[in-house]
Structure formats: structure tokens, C-alpha cells
Amino acid sequence: MTPQTEAHERVYNALIRSKCHEDASFAAYVLYASLFPD
């Protein structure tokens, strides 16, 4: 796992643990979609 991917994992995990779970999930989806376009 690259340091960049590891950082993304930390961000994603932090978002999941946030109180606004649905908003966090959406934010994570948008983040990943922008970082890893198909």
C-alpha cells in the first residue's frame, strides 16, 4: 500500500466515523470518484 493510498484510507475511515454518517459516505464517494476516475 502506497503512502498516498494509506492517507486516503485514513481520510475515509475518519469520515466513516464522523457523526454525519450519510454525509460522510457521500463525501468519501465524491473524494474517491475525483481521485480515481474510471
N, C-alpha and C. Protein backbone atom coordinates (compact mmCIF):
# COMPACT_ATOMS: atom_id res chain seq x y z
N MET A 1 0.85 -1.20 0.00
CA MET A 1 0.00 0.00 0.00
C MET A 1 0.88 1.24 0.00
N THR A 2 0.61 2.13 -0.92
CA THR A 2 1.43 3.34 -1.02
C THR A 2 1.04 4.34 0.07
N PRO A 3 1.96 5.22 0.43
CA PRO A 3 1.65 6.24 1.45
C PRO A 3 0.41 7.06 1.07
N GLN A 4 0.27 7.34 -0.24
CA GLN A 4 -0.89 8.13 -0.67
C GLN A 4 -2.19 7.36 -0.41
N THR A 5 -2.18 6.08 -0.77
CA THR A 5 -3.37 5.26 -0.56
C THR A 5 -3.66 5.13 0.93
N GLU A 6 -2.61 5.01 1.72
CA GLU A 6 -2.76 4.90 3.17
C GLU A 6 -3.41 6.17 3.73
N ALA A 7 -3.00 7.32 3.20
CA ALA A 7 -3.59 8.59 3.63
C ALA A 7 -5.05 8.63 3.25
N HIS A 8 -5.39 8.14 2.06
CA HIS A 8 -6.78 8.10 1.62
C HIS A 8 -7.60 7.22 2.55
N GLU A 9 -7.01 6.09 2.96
CA GLU A 9 -7.70 5.18 3.87
C GLU A 9 -7.99 5.88 5.20
N ARG A 10 -7.01 6.63 5.70
CA ARG A 10 -7.21 7.35 6.97
C ARG A 10 -8.33 8.37 6.84
N VAL A 11 -8.35 9.09 5.72
CA VAL A 11 -9.41 10.08 5.49
C VAL A 11 -10.76 9.38 5.42
N TYR A 12 -10.82 8.30 4.67
CA TYR A 12 -12.06 7.56 4.51
C TYR A 12 -12.57 7.03 5.85
N ASN A 13 -11.67 6.44 6.63
CA ASN A 13 -12.05 5.90 7.94
C ASN A 13 -12.53 7.00 8.88
N ALA A 14 -11.87 8.14 8.83
CA ALA A 14 -12.28 9.27 9.68
C ALA A 14 -13.67 9.75 9.28
N LEU A 15 -13.93 9.79 7.98
CA LEU A 15 -15.25 10.21 7.51
C LEU A 15 -16.32 9.23 7.95
N ILE A 16 -16.02 7.94 7.87
CA ILE A 16 -16.99 6.92 8.26
C ILE A 16 -17.33 7.07 9.75
N ARG A 17 -16.33 7.41 10.55
CA ARG A 17 -16.55 7.51 11.99
C ARG A 17 -17.23 8.81 12.42
N SER A 18 -17.35 9.74 11.47
CA SER A 18 -17.96 11.02 11.82
C SER A 18 -19.44 10.83 12.16
N LYS A 19 -19.99 11.81 12.85
CA LYS A 19 -21.37 11.70 13.32
C LYS A 19 -22.38 11.72 12.17
N CYS A 20 -22.08 12.46 11.13
CA CYS A 20 -22.98 12.53 9.97
C CYS A 20 -22.57 11.44 8.98
N HIS A 21 -22.98 10.21 9.29
CA HIS A 21 -22.52 9.06 8.51
C HIS A 21 -22.90 9.17 7.04
N GLU A 22 -24.13 9.51 6.75
CA GLU A 22 -24.56 9.58 5.35
C GLU A 22 -23.80 10.66 4.60
N ASP A 23 -23.65 11.83 5.21
CA ASP A 23 -22.90 12.92 4.57
C ASP A 23 -21.45 12.50 4.37
N ALA A 24 -20.90 11.81 5.35
CA ALA A 24 -19.52 11.37 5.26
C ALA A 24 -19.34 10.35 4.14
N SER A 25 -20.29 9.45 4.03
CA SER A 25 -20.22 8.44 2.98
C SER A 25 -20.27 9.10 1.61
N PHE A 26 -21.13 10.09 1.47
CA PHE A 26 -21.24 10.80 0.19
C PHE A 26 -19.95 11.56 -0.10
N ALA A 27 -19.41 12.21 0.93
CA ALA A 27 -18.16 12.96 0.76
C ALA A 27 -17.03 12.02 0.36
N ALA A 28 -16.99 10.85 0.98
CA ALA A 28 -15.96 9.87 0.65
C ALA A 28 -16.12 9.39 -0.78
N TYR A 29 -17.37 9.18 -1.19
CA TYR A 29 -17.63 8.75 -2.56
C TYR A 29 -17.15 9.79 -3.56
N VAL A 30 -17.49 11.04 -3.29
CA VAL A 30 -17.07 12.13 -4.18
C VAL A 30 -15.54 12.23 -4.20
N LEU A 31 -14.92 12.11 -3.02
CA LEU A 31 -13.46 12.18 -2.92
C LEU A 31 -12.81 11.08 -3.75
N TYR A 32 -13.28 9.84 -3.57
CA TYR A 32 -12.71 8.73 -4.32
C TYR A 32 -12.98 8.85 -5.81
N ALA A 33 -14.18 9.33 -6.16
CA ALA A 33 -14.51 9.49 -7.57
C ALA A 33 -13.58 10.50 -8.24
N SER A 34 -13.21 11.54 -7.50
CA SER A 34 -12.33 12.56 -8.07
C SER A 34 -10.87 12.09 -8.09
N LEU A 35 -10.50 11.28 -7.10
CA LEU A 35 -9.12 10.80 -7.03
C LEU A 35 -8.88 9.65 -8.00
N PHE A 36 -9.89 8.79 -8.16
CA PHE A 36 -9.72 7.61 -9.00
C PHE A 36 -10.81 7.55 -10.07
N PRO A 37 -10.75 8.44 -11.07
CA PRO A 37 -11.75 8.41 -12.13
C PRO A 37 -11.66 7.13 -12.95
N ASP A 38 -12.79 6.64 -13.38
CA ASP A 38 -12.79 5.40 -14.17
C ASP A 38 -12.17 5.65 -15.54
